[in-house]
Amino acid sequence: MFKTFMNAFKVKEIRKKLLYTFFALVIIRLGSLIPVPGIRSAAIKDYLTNTLGESLGFFSSFTGGAMEQMTIFALSVTPYITASIIIQLLTIAIPALEEMQKDGEDGRKKITAITRFLTIGLSILESAGLAVSFGRKGFLYDYSFWTVLSMIVILTAGSSFVMWLGERITERGVGNGISIILLINIVSTFPNDLQNLYVQFMKGKDIVRLVLVGLLIAAVIIVTVVLVCMLQGAERKIPVQYAKSVRGRKQVGGQTNNIPLKVNTAGVIPVIFASSILSVPQIIVSLFGVEASGTGGKILRALSQSNWFSRTTPWASVGLIVYILLIFFFAYFYTAITFNPMEIANNMKKSGGFIPGIRPGKPTQDYLNKILNYIIFIGAVGLLIVACIPMFFNGFFSTSLSFGGTSIIIVVGVVVETMKNLESQMLVRHYQGFLLD
């Protein structure tokens, strides 16, 4: 790996991209350490830790700890991610957006501009909610209109600046700017999580138990990463045969191709959506000071991921069942809006292509639907396994981990994609790349 990076730095163009990306990420991490003026940072951190619990860990990993510290980059890329997902979903409901998506480069620029405006709008709403809520709870030194306004401006500007840096990394850096920022935020929480594991399971233990526990933790991490790699790379290739035809004096067609169907077509979207929906009730209750007791309190505890595998709250497994159903629903829903078997079947029929043993047209569409439903189920089960491994340790052993299956999937996916981008650039210059080591 060291040799690979040395080869990358020998290429002037790639070296500039790597250095540009590095300094942009340094700015991101520095901004995540500067608190918003006029707030009681320690009090806010204690409050969020005590009230949000597992939900705070979910947002903390996505913001690199900036949310609990309430820094100028507290919102980070979360408004942009939310805006992007909303725009993707709206392309199905709004024909104008669907036309833009199919309109090539010009359409892509228009959708990007709409996403930016929506990101700013979401940032204003989120920062206003935080400012008013913290002001009412006495976490602002001076709860006034100008203090709230300044907090809204600072948090919105911070989120917009992070979005801008992400776009610059995409254009002038190694690419996938927003994903790389999300990656560095998640990775920045790993040392603290490993320290928590050490303090809880290894500190003060005899050498034999220390080694055994260390090996077990390493094995769980390695197995999880391997499962994620398998899930991200798995695909079902559908063979397609094109009929031969004669045009003039030339014979065209007759070649064999394939349609690659990814097992995990929806990526981490189902996990993010399911976790976000289950976090909404607890966030509303916590931020707006609503009292939840009796049955309402039990429902909130059941929706908290930290209670799903707890030995003291077996009834909280109801929340786990809801989580599983949501993941399956969003896996099928997101795939349905991003992959259209009818369109694929029609395009194959027009170009003279067919799946061996399957008639063109409606039979091909039905066959693709059948295969797609099968592999989506496998992908959703894989997502559940990866997502539930950290939850099991959080609940059964009462550990405090900010990252989960979602974070690991994102980290592995972004690293593999970035390596492939650099690999393609280095192979052009006849250098040995990442994937050839």
Protein backbone atom coordinates (compact mmCIF):
# COMPACT_ATOMS: atom_id res chain seq x y z
CA MET A 1 0.00 0.00 0.00
CA PHE A 2 2.88 2.38 0.84
CA LYS A 3 4.46 1.63 -2.54
CA THR A 4 1.15 2.39 -4.23
CA PHE A 5 0.89 5.80 -2.61
CA MET A 6 4.50 6.53 -3.56
CA ASN A 7 3.64 5.69 -7.18
CA ALA A 8 0.57 7.95 -6.97
CA PHE A 9 2.67 10.86 -5.72
CA LYS A 10 5.07 10.43 -8.64
CA VAL A 11 2.31 11.57 -10.99
CA LYS A 12 2.06 15.36 -10.75
CA GLU A 13 -1.66 15.55 -11.60
CA ILE A 14 -2.67 12.87 -9.09
CA ARG A 15 -0.34 14.34 -6.45
CA LYS A 16 -2.10 17.72 -6.76
CA LYS A 17 -5.50 16.05 -6.40
CA LEU A 18 -4.43 14.12 -3.30
CA LEU A 19 -2.91 17.18 -1.65
CA TYR A 20 -5.96 19.31 -2.49
CA THR A 21 -8.25 16.69 -0.96
CA PHE A 22 -6.02 16.39 2.12
CA PHE A 23 -6.03 20.12 2.88
CA ALA A 24 -9.78 20.35 2.28
CA LEU A 25 -10.33 17.57 4.82
CA VAL A 26 -8.01 19.32 7.29
CA ILE A 27 -10.24 22.41 7.02
CA ILE A 28 -13.30 20.21 7.63
CA ARG A 29 -11.81 18.73 10.80
CA LEU A 30 -10.63 22.12 12.09
CA GLY A 31 -14.11 23.58 11.58
CA SER A 32 -15.52 20.63 13.53
CA LEU A 33 -13.54 21.78 16.58
CA ILE A 34 -14.64 25.46 16.64
CA PRO A 35 -17.76 25.91 18.83
CA VAL A 36 -20.57 28.27 17.90
CA PRO A 37 -20.16 31.54 19.89
CA GLY A 38 -22.58 32.26 22.72
CA ILE A 39 -23.47 28.67 23.65
CA ARG A 40 -22.75 26.47 26.67
CA SER A 41 -20.96 23.64 24.84
CA ALA A 42 -20.47 21.37 27.84
CA ALA A 43 -24.11 21.67 28.92
CA ILE A 44 -25.35 20.96 25.39
CA LYS A 45 -23.11 17.89 25.12
CA ASP A 46 -24.35 16.48 28.43
CA TYR A 47 -27.96 17.18 27.50
CA LEU A 48 -27.73 15.54 24.06
CA THR A 49 -25.87 12.54 25.50
CA ASN A 50 -28.45 11.97 28.23
CA THR A 51 -31.57 12.55 26.15
CA LEU A 52 -30.86 11.38 22.61
CA GLY A 53 -28.81 8.32 23.54
CA GLU A 54 -28.40 6.07 20.48
CA SER A 55 -29.82 8.71 18.16
CA LEU A 56 -26.94 11.03 19.07
CA GLY A 57 -24.44 8.33 18.09
CA PHE A 58 -26.08 8.09 14.67
CA PHE A 59 -25.77 11.84 14.01
CA SER A 60 -22.40 12.09 15.75
CA SER A 61 -20.79 9.58 13.39
CA PHE A 62 -22.14 11.45 10.34
CA THR A 63 -20.85 14.81 11.62
CA GLY A 64 -17.56 13.59 13.09
CA GLY A 65 -18.56 14.56 16.63
CA ALA A 66 -19.38 18.13 15.59
CA MET A 67 -23.07 17.76 16.53
CA GLU A 68 -22.51 16.94 20.20
CA GLN A 69 -19.86 19.68 20.46
CA MET A 70 -22.18 22.08 18.58
CA THR A 71 -19.42 23.50 16.40
CA ILE A 72 -19.75 25.68 13.30
CA PHE A 73 -19.87 22.49 11.17
CA ALA A 74 -22.43 20.79 13.44
CA LEU A 75 -24.82 20.11 10.54
CA SER A 76 -21.98 19.00 8.25
CA VAL A 77 -23.20 17.16 5.12
CA THR A 78 -26.45 15.84 6.63
CA PRO A 79 -28.68 18.55 5.04
CA TYR A 80 -27.08 17.89 1.65
CA ILE A 81 -27.57 14.13 1.94
CA THR A 82 -31.21 14.63 2.96
CA ALA A 83 -31.77 17.07 0.09
CA SER A 84 -30.20 14.68 -2.43
CA ILE A 85 -32.40 11.80 -1.29
CA ILE A 86 -35.51 14.00 -1.43
CA ILE A 87 -34.69 15.13 -4.98
CA GLN A 88 -34.09 11.52 -6.05
CA LEU A 89 -37.47 10.49 -4.70
CA LEU A 90 -39.24 13.50 -6.23
CA THR A 91 -37.98 12.62 -9.71
CA ILE A 92 -40.57 9.83 -9.69
CA ALA A 93 -43.46 12.09 -8.66
CA ILE A 94 -42.58 15.23 -10.66
CA PRO A 95 -42.26 14.76 -14.45
CA ALA A 96 -40.23 17.98 -14.84
CA LEU A 97 -37.49 16.63 -12.56
CA GLU A 98 -37.53 13.31 -14.41
CA GLU A 99 -37.02 15.16 -17.70
CA MET A 100 -34.10 17.11 -16.18
CA GLN A 101 -32.51 13.86 -15.04
CA LYS A 102 -32.64 12.53 -18.62
CA ASP A 103 -31.45 15.81 -20.17
CA GLY A 104 -27.72 15.05 -19.96
CA GLU A 105 -25.21 17.52 -18.54
CA ASP A 106 -27.57 20.51 -18.61
CA GLY A 107 -30.21 18.61 -16.69
CA ARG A 108 -27.64 17.44 -14.14
CA LYS A 109 -26.54 21.04 -13.52
CA LYS A 110 -30.14 22.13 -12.94
CA ILE A 111 -30.80 19.29 -10.48
CA THR A 112 -27.53 20.13 -8.68
CA ALA A 113 -28.64 23.77 -8.35
CA ILE A 114 -32.04 22.70 -6.96
CA THR A 115 -30.29 20.38 -4.49
CA ARG A 116 -28.11 23.27 -3.29
CA PHE A 117 -31.10 25.53 -2.62
CA LEU A 118 -32.94 22.72 -0.84
CA THR A 119 -29.81 22.07 1.27
CA ILE A 120 -29.72 25.70 2.39
CA GLY A 121 -33.43 25.60 3.21
CA LEU A 122 -33.05 22.45 5.29
CA SER A 123 -30.01 23.94 7.05
CA ILE A 124 -32.02 27.02 8.03
CA LEU A 125 -34.87 24.89 9.40
CA GLU A 126 -32.56 22.58 11.36
CA SER A 127 -30.41 25.39 12.79
CA ALA A 128 -33.51 27.41 13.76
CA GLY A 129 -34.96 24.40 15.59
CA LEU A 130 -31.70 23.85 17.47
CA ALA A 131 -31.25 27.54 18.34
CA VAL A 132 -34.80 27.98 19.70
CA SER A 133 -34.72 24.68 21.59
CA PHE A 134 -31.34 25.39 23.22
CA GLY A 135 -32.40 28.94 24.04
CA ARG A 136 -35.52 27.75 25.88
CA LYS A 137 -33.46 25.28 27.89
CA GLY A 138 -30.94 27.93 28.97
CA PHE A 139 -28.02 26.68 26.90
CA LEU A 140 -27.42 30.11 25.33
CA TYR A 141 -25.65 32.82 27.34
CA ASP A 142 -28.03 35.43 25.95
CA TYR A 143 -31.32 34.08 24.60
CA SER A 144 -32.36 36.91 22.29
CA PHE A 145 -33.42 37.38 18.70
CA TRP A 146 -29.92 38.37 17.59
CA THR A 147 -28.28 35.40 19.32
CA VAL A 148 -30.70 32.98 17.69
CA LEU A 149 -30.25 34.69 14.32
CA SER A 150 -26.44 34.55 14.58
CA MET A 151 -26.59 30.84 15.45
CA ILE A 152 -28.85 30.17 12.45
CA VAL A 153 -26.51 32.11 10.14
CA ILE A 154 -23.37 30.39 11.47
CA LEU A 155 -24.75 26.83 11.26
CA THR A 156 -26.28 27.42 7.81
CA ALA A 157 -23.07 29.01 6.52
CA GLY A 158 -21.06 26.13 7.96
CA SER A 159 -23.24 23.54 6.22
CA SER A 160 -23.10 25.49 2.94
CA PHE A 161 -19.31 25.78 3.18
CA VAL A 162 -18.97 22.03 3.74
CA MET A 163 -21.20 21.45 0.70
CA TRP A 164 -19.02 23.81 -1.36
CA LEU A 165 -15.83 22.06 -0.24
CA GLY A 166 -17.36 18.71 -1.19
CA GLU A 167 -18.06 19.95 -4.70
CA ARG A 168 -14.50 21.32 -4.99
CA ILE A 169 -13.09 17.91 -3.96
CA THR A 170 -15.23 16.32 -6.68
CA GLU A 171 -13.96 18.77 -9.33
CA ARG A 172 -10.33 19.32 -8.30
CA GLY A 173 -9.62 16.47 -5.88
CA VAL A 174 -9.94 12.70 -6.06
CA GLY A 175 -13.71 12.83 -6.68
CA ASN A 176 -16.77 11.82 -4.61
CA GLY A 177 -16.36 14.94 -2.46
CA ILE A 178 -19.43 14.63 -0.23
CA SER A 179 -18.77 10.92 0.29
CA ILE A 180 -15.14 11.57 1.24
CA ILE A 181 -16.19 14.22 3.79
CA LEU A 182 -18.69 11.76 5.23
CA LEU A 183 -15.92 9.15 5.32
CA ILE A 184 -13.49 11.34 7.26
CA ASN A 185 -16.23 12.32 9.72
CA ILE A 186 -17.06 8.67 10.42
CA VAL A 187 -13.42 7.61 10.69
CA SER A 188 -12.71 10.43 13.16
CA THR A 189 -15.06 8.76 15.68
CA PHE A 190 -13.31 5.36 15.51
CA PRO A 191 -10.48 6.12 18.01
CA ASN A 192 -12.97 7.17 20.68
CA ASP A 193 -15.04 4.02 20.06
CA LEU A 194 -11.96 1.79 20.30
CA GLN A 195 -11.00 3.54 23.54
CA ASN A 196 -14.47 2.83 24.95
CA LEU A 197 -14.09 -0.85 24.03
CA TYR A 198 -10.68 -0.97 25.69
CA VAL A 199 -11.90 0.67 28.91
CA GLN A 200 -14.96 -1.58 29.17
CA PHE A 201 -13.54 -4.97 28.21
CA MET A 202 -9.73 -4.87 28.42
CA LYS A 203 -8.48 -2.34 30.96
CA GLY A 204 -7.18 -3.93 34.15
CA LYS A 205 -7.67 -7.52 32.92
CA ASP A 206 -5.03 -10.27 33.04
CA ILE A 207 -2.88 -10.84 29.97
CA VAL A 208 -4.77 -13.96 28.78
CA ARG A 209 -8.18 -12.28 28.88
CA LEU A 210 -6.68 -9.12 27.39
CA VAL A 211 -5.38 -11.03 24.36
CA LEU A 212 -8.57 -13.09 23.93
CA VAL A 213 -10.84 -10.03 24.09
CA GLY A 214 -8.55 -8.11 21.74
CA LEU A 215 -8.59 -10.96 19.22
CA LEU A 216 -12.39 -11.26 19.49
CA ILE A 217 -12.91 -7.54 18.86
CA ALA A 218 -10.50 -7.63 15.90
CA ALA A 219 -12.25 -10.73 14.49
CA VAL A 220 -15.69 -9.08 14.72
CA ILE A 221 -14.42 -5.95 12.96
CA ILE A 222 -12.69 -7.96 10.22
CA VAL A 223 -15.72 -10.22 9.65
CA THR A 224 -18.00 -7.16 9.43
CA VAL A 225 -15.73 -5.46 6.90
CA VAL A 226 -15.48 -8.66 4.82
CA LEU A 227 -19.28 -9.03 4.83
CA VAL A 228 -19.64 -5.41 3.70
CA CYS A 229 -17.11 -5.93 0.87
CA MET A 230 -18.99 -9.04 -0.27
CA LEU A 231 -22.31 -7.21 -0.08
CA GLN A 232 -21.03 -4.20 -2.02
CA GLY A 233 -19.40 -6.23 -4.78
CA ALA A 234 -21.98 -9.00 -5.23
CA GLU A 235 -24.03 -8.87 -8.41
CA ARG A 236 -26.13 -11.14 -10.62
CA LYS A 237 -25.22 -10.97 -14.31
CA ILE A 238 -28.11 -11.59 -16.69
CA PRO A 239 -26.79 -12.77 -20.10
CA VAL A 240 -28.14 -10.94 -23.15
CA GLN A 241 -27.78 -12.22 -26.72
CA TYR A 242 -28.16 -9.86 -29.68
CA ALA A 243 -29.57 -11.24 -32.93
CA LYS A 244 -27.44 -11.13 -36.07
CA SER A 245 -28.45 -8.81 -38.90
CA VAL A 246 -26.95 -7.77 -42.24
CA ARG A 247 -26.46 -4.10 -42.99
CA GLY A 248 -25.06 -3.56 -46.48
CA ARG A 249 -22.12 -5.91 -46.79
CA LYS A 250 -21.53 -6.11 -43.05
CA GLN A 251 -23.00 -8.49 -40.52
CA VAL A 252 -23.72 -6.81 -37.20
CA GLY A 253 -24.98 -8.16 -33.88
CA GLY A 254 -24.58 -11.68 -32.64
CA GLN A 255 -22.48 -10.64 -29.66
CA THR A 256 -23.24 -11.58 -26.06
CA ASN A 257 -23.50 -9.03 -23.28
CA ASN A 258 -24.92 -9.00 -19.76
CA ILE A 259 -27.00 -6.89 -17.41
CA PRO A 260 -25.27 -6.57 -14.01
CA LEU A 261 -27.82 -6.45 -11.20
CA LYS A 262 -26.22 -5.45 -7.90
CA VAL A 263 -27.37 -7.45 -4.89
CA ASN A 264 -27.28 -4.32 -2.76
CA THR A 265 -28.89 -1.99 -5.29
CA ALA A 266 -30.14 0.53 -2.74
CA GLY A 267 -26.81 0.83 -0.88
CA VAL A 268 -27.15 2.26 2.63
CA ILE A 269 -30.37 4.14 1.84
CA PRO A 270 -32.68 1.58 3.56
CA VAL A 271 -30.61 1.63 6.77
CA ILE A 272 -30.41 5.44 6.83
CA PHE A 273 -34.13 5.86 6.21
CA ALA A 274 -35.11 3.22 8.78
CA SER A 275 -32.80 4.65 11.46
CA SER A 276 -33.95 8.21 10.75
CA ILE A 277 -37.65 7.34 10.98
CA LEU A 278 -37.18 5.51 14.29
CA SER A 279 -35.13 8.43 15.66
CA VAL A 280 -37.74 11.10 14.87
CA PRO A 281 -40.09 10.46 17.87
CA GLN A 282 -37.21 10.47 20.35
CA ILE A 283 -35.70 13.63 18.87
CA ILE A 284 -39.04 15.46 19.00
CA VAL A 285 -39.62 14.43 22.62
CA SER A 286 -36.09 15.40 23.65
CA LEU A 287 -35.72 18.73 21.85
CA PHE A 288 -39.20 20.06 22.58
CA GLY A 289 -39.34 18.91 26.19
CA VAL A 290 -42.38 16.65 25.84
CA GLU A 291 -42.85 14.33 28.81
CA ALA A 292 -43.09 10.66 27.89
CA SER A 293 -44.06 8.21 30.62
CA GLY A 294 -45.98 4.95 30.96
CA THR A 295 -46.83 3.39 27.62
CA GLY A 296 -45.35 6.33 25.70
CA GLY A 297 -42.04 5.93 27.52
CA LYS A 298 -41.95 2.21 26.74
CA ILE A 299 -42.60 2.89 23.06
CA LEU A 300 -39.71 5.36 22.94
CA ARG A 301 -37.42 2.84 24.65
CA ALA A 302 -38.50 0.17 22.19
CA LEU A 303 -37.58 2.46 19.29
CA SER A 304 -34.07 3.01 20.70
CA GLN A 305 -31.47 0.73 19.11
CA SER A 306 -29.51 0.45 22.37
CA ASN A 307 -32.41 -1.50 23.96
CA TRP A 308 -33.05 -4.03 21.18
CA PHE A 309 -30.53 -6.65 22.34
CA SER A 310 -30.54 -5.66 26.00
CA ARG A 311 -31.03 -8.51 28.48
CA THR A 312 -33.08 -6.22 30.77
CA THR A 313 -35.59 -5.08 28.11
CA PRO A 314 -36.54 -8.11 25.96
CA TRP A 315 -39.87 -6.46 25.08
CA ALA A 316 -37.93 -3.78 23.16
CA SER A 317 -37.49 -6.36 20.37
CA VAL A 318 -40.74 -4.94 18.96
CA GLY A 319 -38.69 -1.96 17.80
CA LEU A 320 -36.22 -4.32 16.10
CA ILE A 321 -39.10 -5.96 14.19
CA VAL A 322 -40.26 -2.52 13.00
CA TYR A 323 -36.67 -1.74 11.97
CA ILE A 324 -36.42 -4.97 9.95
CA LEU A 325 -39.72 -4.29 8.17
CA LEU A 326 -38.62 -0.71 7.33
CA ILE A 327 -35.32 -1.92 5.86
CA PHE A 328 -37.09 -4.43 3.62
CA PHE A 329 -39.66 -1.82 2.57
CA PHE A 330 -37.08 0.83 1.63
CA ALA A 331 -34.84 -1.76 -0.08
CA TYR A 332 -37.67 -2.71 -2.44
CA PHE A 333 -39.02 0.84 -2.74
CA TYR A 334 -35.70 2.50 -3.60
CA THR A 335 -34.81 -0.21 -6.10
CA ALA A 336 -38.23 0.16 -7.74
CA ILE A 337 -37.68 3.87 -8.38
CA THR A 338 -34.10 3.53 -9.64
CA PHE A 339 -34.35 0.40 -11.80
CA ASN A 340 -37.14 -0.01 -14.35
CA PRO A 341 -37.41 -3.61 -15.73
CA MET A 342 -40.06 -2.55 -18.27
CA GLU A 343 -37.77 0.10 -19.76
CA ILE A 344 -34.86 -2.37 -19.89
CA ALA A 345 -37.04 -4.99 -21.60
CA ASN A 346 -38.32 -2.47 -24.19
CA ASN A 347 -34.81 -1.21 -24.97
CA MET A 348 -33.58 -4.78 -25.42
CA LYS A 349 -36.46 -5.56 -27.78
CA LYS A 350 -35.79 -2.46 -29.90
CA SER A 351 -32.09 -3.29 -30.23
CA GLY A 352 -32.73 -6.95 -31.05
CA GLY A 353 -31.50 -8.28 -27.72
CA PHE A 354 -32.99 -11.12 -25.73
CA ILE A 355 -32.24 -13.23 -22.67
CA PRO A 356 -31.54 -16.84 -23.76
CA GLY A 357 -34.62 -18.96 -23.09
CA ILE A 358 -36.85 -15.90 -22.42
CA ARG A 359 -39.09 -14.29 -25.02
CA PRO A 360 -38.66 -10.51 -25.61
CA GLY A 361 -41.17 -8.01 -24.23
CA LYS A 362 -43.44 -8.83 -21.28
CA PRO A 363 -41.83 -12.25 -20.48
CA THR A 364 -38.42 -10.51 -20.22
CA GLN A 365 -39.90 -7.88 -17.90
CA ASP A 366 -41.45 -10.56 -15.68
CA TYR A 367 -38.17 -12.49 -15.60
CA LEU A 368 -36.19 -9.38 -14.58
CA ASN A 369 -38.76 -8.60 -11.87
CA LYS A 370 -38.48 -12.15 -10.52
CA ILE A 371 -34.67 -12.05 -10.38
CA LEU A 372 -34.70 -8.53 -8.94
CA ASN A 373 -37.09 -9.44 -6.13
CA TYR A 374 -34.89 -12.40 -5.24
CA ILE A 375 -31.60 -10.51 -5.07
CA ILE A 376 -33.18 -7.52 -3.25
CA PHE A 377 -34.25 -9.92 -0.51
CA ILE A 378 -30.70 -11.27 -0.23
CA GLY A 379 -29.30 -7.72 -0.17
CA ALA A 380 -31.73 -6.61 2.54
CA VAL A 381 -30.81 -9.64 4.69
CA GLY A 382 -27.12 -8.79 4.23
CA LEU A 383 -27.77 -5.17 5.24
CA LEU A 384 -29.61 -6.36 8.36
CA ILE A 385 -26.73 -8.62 9.42
CA VAL A 386 -24.15 -5.88 8.99
CA ALA A 387 -26.34 -3.26 10.70
CA CYS A 388 -27.24 -5.49 13.65
CA ILE A 389 -23.70 -6.60 14.59
CA PRO A 390 -22.77 -3.26 16.26
CA MET A 391 -26.32 -2.98 17.70
CA PHE A 392 -25.87 -6.38 19.37
CA PHE A 393 -22.72 -5.21 21.14
CA ASN A 394 -24.35 -1.90 22.09
CA GLY A 395 -27.36 -3.65 23.63
CA PHE A 396 -26.08 -6.99 24.97
CA PHE A 397 -22.78 -5.69 26.37
CA SER A 398 -23.94 -2.08 27.02
CA THR A 399 -21.07 -0.62 25.00
CA SER A 400 -20.98 2.95 23.75
CA LEU A 401 -20.21 2.93 20.03
CA SER A 402 -21.07 5.88 17.78
CA PHE A 403 -20.54 3.98 14.53
CA GLY A 404 -22.77 1.20 13.27
CA GLY A 405 -23.38 -0.96 10.24
CA THR A 406 -24.36 2.09 8.21
CA SER A 407 -21.03 3.76 8.94
CA ILE A 408 -19.02 0.66 8.03
CA ILE A 409 -20.89 0.25 4.73
CA ILE A 410 -20.24 3.89 3.86
CA VAL A 411 -16.54 3.69 4.79
CA VAL A 412 -15.90 0.53 2.78
CA GLY A 413 -17.95 1.75 -0.19
CA VAL A 414 -16.23 5.14 -0.38
CA VAL A 415 -12.73 3.66 0.07
CA VAL A 416 -13.30 1.07 -2.68
CA GLU A 417 -14.77 3.67 -5.05
CA THR A 418 -11.92 6.12 -4.42
CA MET A 419 -9.34 3.39 -4.94
CA LYS A 420 -10.98 2.48 -8.25
CA ASN A 421 -10.88 6.13 -9.38
CA LEU A 422 -7.17 6.41 -8.58
CA GLU A 423 -6.58 2.98 -10.10
CA SER A 424 -8.07 4.04 -13.43
CA GLN A 425 -5.93 7.20 -13.50
CA MET A 426 -2.74 5.34 -12.60
CA LEU A 427 -3.26 2.52 -15.09
CA VAL A 428 -3.30 5.07 -17.91
CA ARG A 429 0.27 5.96 -16.89
CA HIS A 430 1.29 2.28 -16.57
CA TYR A 431 1.63 2.36 -12.80
CA GLN A 432 0.65 -0.50 -10.55
CA GLY A 433 -2.51 0.56 -8.69
CA PHE A 434 -4.34 -0.16 -5.49
CA LEU A 435 -6.39 -3.08 -6.73
CA LEU A 436 -3.36 -4.84 -8.23
CA ASP A 437 -1.34 -5.06 -4.99
